[in-house]
Amino acid sequence: MAFKQISQAEIDDLLSVERVMRVGFEANGEHYLVPLGFIWHGGALYAMTTKGRKTQLAAANPKVSFQIDTSARTGPFSWHSISGEGTFEIVTDSKEVKAISPLLVSRFPDMPNWMQAEYAEKQEQGKVVFVRIRPSEMTGRKSEPA
């Protein structure tokens, strides 16, 4: 097995196909890792989530790390992976939210009814936020037979 860097084109392909990223937060001596559904749009990773531990940690330290890979589809021995760092921001511009919201929703046509209902309820309560991670660094690797 050989590990190789992947090209920007391969990174872009992976970002257009995969739907889940893991985001690492660190603030006040606390570390937190969470999966988030995402889209890649305009050079940033966007997600819809709820207020809570991750948004509290990001308010204290907006610098995050992230990782996206193909191992769920390909197995643990043949994979493509992207790792990076960036700034976690809550999107407050209503025009940006209006542009991103349908893109995120269309990315998850298989979202179960119970989750749709839960998000609708949380949205009514003002608990849903749209977030953006602007990568400051992003690299990719792959594992394949030598």
Foldseek 3Di string as FASTA:
>chain_A
DDKDWDDPVVVVVQLQPDFKKWKWFDAPRDIDIDIFGWHQDPQKTKGKDFDDDVVVRCVRPQKMKMKGKDCVPVNDAWMKMKIFIFGKDWDDDVVVCVVVVVVRCVVCVVPDPVVVVVVVVCVVVVGMTMMITRTPDMIMMTGDDD
